[in-house]
N, C-alpha and C. Protein backbone atom coordinates (compact mmCIF):
# COMPACT_ATOMS: atom_id res chain seq x y z
N MET A 1 165.44 135.31 79.59
CA MET A 1 164.28 136.12 79.77
C MET A 1 162.86 135.37 79.12
N LYS A 2 163.40 134.34 77.96
CA LYS A 2 162.15 133.59 77.55
C LYS A 2 161.68 133.04 78.63
N LYS A 3 162.65 132.02 79.18
CA LYS A 3 162.52 130.98 80.07
C LYS A 3 161.70 131.74 81.49
N TRP A 4 161.91 132.76 81.66
CA TRP A 4 161.43 133.40 82.89
C TRP A 4 159.75 133.90 82.35
N TRP A 5 159.70 134.33 81.38
CA TRP A 5 158.29 134.53 80.50
C TRP A 5 157.64 133.27 80.52
N ASN A 6 158.00 132.45 80.06
CA ASN A 6 157.05 131.24 80.05
C ASN A 6 156.85 130.52 81.33
N ARG A 7 157.67 130.56 82.64
CA ARG A 7 157.48 130.29 83.92
C ARG A 7 156.29 131.28 84.38
N GLU A 8 156.19 132.31 84.08
CA GLU A 8 155.30 133.38 84.45
C GLU A 8 153.88 132.89 83.89
N LYS A 9 153.90 132.94 82.73
CA LYS A 9 152.81 132.66 81.71
C LYS A 9 152.08 131.15 82.25
N ASN A 10 152.93 130.01 82.49
CA ASN A 10 152.39 129.12 82.97
C ASN A 10 151.55 129.27 84.47
N ARG A 11 152.47 129.64 85.27
CA ARG A 11 151.96 130.24 86.51
C ARG A 11 150.36 130.64 86.75
N THR A 12 150.61 131.67 85.78
CA THR A 12 149.05 132.73 85.87
C THR A 12 147.96 131.80 85.20
N ARG A 13 148.23 130.83 84.26
CA ARG A 13 147.61 130.06 83.56
C ARG A 13 146.76 129.11 84.65
N LYS A 14 147.51 128.35 85.53
CA LYS A 14 147.36 127.65 86.63
C LYS A 14 146.24 128.27 87.60
N GLY A 15 146.84 129.30 87.81
CA GLY A 15 145.72 130.29 88.71
C GLY A 15 144.51 130.73 88.46
N LYS A 16 144.31 130.98 87.13
CA LYS A 16 142.99 131.08 86.79
C LYS A 16 142.27 130.18 86.17
N ARG A 17 142.85 128.78 86.15
CA ARG A 17 142.09 127.53 85.99
C ARG A 17 141.69 127.12 87.22
N SER A 18 142.51 127.29 88.40
CA SER A 18 142.05 126.55 89.51
C SER A 18 140.95 127.52 90.22
N ASN A 19 140.93 128.94 89.89
CA ASN A 19 139.91 129.79 90.53
C ASN A 19 138.34 129.62 90.21
N ASN A 20 138.27 128.72 89.06
CA ASN A 20 137.03 128.91 88.61
C ASN A 20 136.27 127.38 89.22
N ASP A 21 137.05 126.66 89.52
CA ASP A 21 136.35 125.27 90.36
C ASP A 21 135.40 125.65 91.26
N TYR A 22 134.34 124.68 91.45
CA TYR A 22 133.70 124.90 92.35
C TYR A 22 133.87 123.72 93.23
N THR A 23 134.23 124.02 94.32
CA THR A 23 134.88 122.86 95.41
C THR A 23 134.03 122.61 96.44
N PHE A 24 134.28 121.31 97.18
CA PHE A 24 133.20 120.68 98.12
C PHE A 24 132.96 121.84 99.30
N LEU A 25 133.99 122.70 99.53
CA LEU A 25 134.07 123.62 100.53
C LEU A 25 132.95 124.75 100.17
N ASP A 26 133.22 125.29 98.64
CA ASP A 26 132.01 126.08 98.51
C ASP A 26 130.90 125.66 98.45
N PHE A 27 130.57 124.33 98.23
CA PHE A 27 129.19 123.87 98.21
C PHE A 27 128.68 123.71 99.78
N ILE A 28 129.50 123.41 100.61
CA ILE A 28 129.15 123.47 102.44
C ILE A 28 128.71 124.85 102.80
N VAL A 29 129.73 125.88 102.33
CA VAL A 29 129.16 127.09 102.57
C VAL A 29 128.02 127.40 102.13
N ASP A 30 127.65 126.75 100.96
CA ASP A 30 126.52 127.73 100.55
C ASP A 30 125.36 127.02 100.87
N VAL A 31 125.42 125.85 101.42
CA VAL A 31 124.26 124.82 101.95
C VAL A 31 124.08 125.38 103.55
N LEU A 32 125.20 125.89 104.14
CA LEU A 32 125.35 126.75 105.50
C LEU A 32 124.44 128.06 105.61
N PHE A 33 124.88 128.68 104.21
CA PHE A 33 123.70 130.05 104.30
C PHE A 33 122.69 129.70 103.76
N MET A 34 122.03 128.56 103.16
CA MET A 34 120.50 128.38 102.76
C MET A 34 120.13 128.09 103.82
N ILE A 35 120.40 127.17 104.84
CA ILE A 35 119.49 126.66 106.08
C ILE A 35 119.04 127.61 106.41
N PRO A 36 119.27 128.63 107.02
CA PRO A 36 118.64 129.46 107.78
C PRO A 36 117.39 130.21 106.88
N GLU A 37 117.81 130.49 105.54
CA GLU A 37 116.92 130.94 104.98
C GLU A 37 115.52 129.91 104.50
N LEU A 38 116.25 128.93 104.43
CA LEU A 38 114.94 127.89 104.07
C LEU A 38 113.81 127.73 105.30
N LEU A 39 114.71 127.75 106.65
CA LEU A 39 113.78 127.50 108.01
C LEU A 39 113.00 128.84 108.19
N PHE A 40 113.32 130.29 107.81
CA PHE A 40 112.64 131.21 108.11
C PHE A 40 111.69 131.60 107.08
N LEU A 41 111.74 131.09 105.77
CA LEU A 41 111.06 131.62 104.49
C LEU A 41 109.34 131.17 104.94
N PRO A 42 109.06 130.39 105.54
CA PRO A 42 107.80 130.02 105.80
C PRO A 42 106.96 131.04 106.86
N PHE A 43 108.04 131.53 107.65
CA PHE A 43 107.44 132.68 108.86
C PHE A 43 107.29 133.75 108.19
N ARG A 44 108.33 134.06 107.19
CA ARG A 44 108.28 135.39 106.54
C ARG A 44 107.08 135.49 105.73
N LEU A 45 106.95 134.54 105.02
CA LEU A 45 105.53 134.21 103.96
C LEU A 45 104.04 134.55 104.70
N VAL A 46 104.30 134.23 105.98
CA VAL A 46 102.71 134.38 106.70
C VAL A 46 102.78 135.41 107.30
N PHE A 47 103.86 136.11 107.64
CA PHE A 47 104.00 137.54 108.27
C PHE A 47 103.69 138.33 107.04
N TRP A 48 104.03 138.46 105.69
CA TRP A 48 103.83 139.22 104.63
C TRP A 48 102.26 138.82 104.17
N LEU A 49 101.77 137.61 104.53
CA LEU A 49 100.19 137.53 104.11
C LEU A 49 99.53 138.22 104.80
N PHE A 50 99.74 138.20 106.33
CA PHE A 50 98.98 138.87 107.51
C PHE A 50 98.89 140.28 107.11
N ARG A 51 100.37 140.92 107.08
CA ARG A 51 100.45 142.00 106.86
C ARG A 51 99.59 142.67 105.68
N GLY A 52 99.67 142.28 104.66
CA GLY A 52 99.14 142.48 103.41
C GLY A 52 97.24 142.56 103.56
N VAL A 53 96.98 141.40 104.01
CA VAL A 53 95.31 141.25 104.57
C VAL A 53 95.17 142.49 105.39
N GLY A 54 96.07 142.67 106.39
CA GLY A 54 95.65 143.88 107.47
C GLY A 54 95.83 145.08 106.84
N ARG A 55 96.56 145.31 105.78
CA ARG A 55 96.81 146.67 105.06
C ARG A 55 95.45 147.00 104.05
N MET A 56 94.86 145.59 103.61
CA MET A 56 93.79 146.03 102.93
C MET A 56 92.47 145.97 103.76
N PHE A 57 92.23 145.63 105.00
CA PHE A 57 91.49 145.73 105.58
C PHE A 57 91.35 147.12 106.28
N GLY A 58 92.66 147.65 106.61
CA GLY A 58 92.83 148.96 107.03
C GLY A 58 92.27 149.97 105.97
N ASN A 59 92.69 149.73 104.66
CA ASN A 59 92.02 150.83 103.52
C ASN A 59 90.76 150.46 103.17
N LEU A 60 90.15 149.80 103.46
CA LEU A 60 88.72 149.36 103.31
C LEU A 60 87.62 150.12 104.30
N PHE A 61 88.63 149.91 105.40
CA PHE A 61 87.59 150.68 106.60
C PHE A 61 88.01 152.24 106.63
N ASP A 62 88.91 152.80 106.16
CA ASP A 62 89.39 154.13 105.64
C ASP A 62 88.11 154.67 104.93
N LEU A 63 87.70 153.90 103.84
CA LEU A 63 87.15 154.15 102.75
C LEU A 63 85.68 154.54 103.38
N LEU A 64 85.03 153.78 104.53
CA LEU A 64 84.06 153.74 104.83
C LEU A 64 83.53 154.98 105.67
């Protein structure tokens, strides 16, 4: 029983250690997810800017 328990304990410890590593594949997946975000961010910022200015002018004309 003790041999079995030690073997199981060692196996679960190895699993816990290896799951916390940040691998090269994780890095590649993160970069692939970031590329579209970085490409579309300037367009979204310009869109939000024009939308905010448009709402400001719309509210200004509603007051008149």
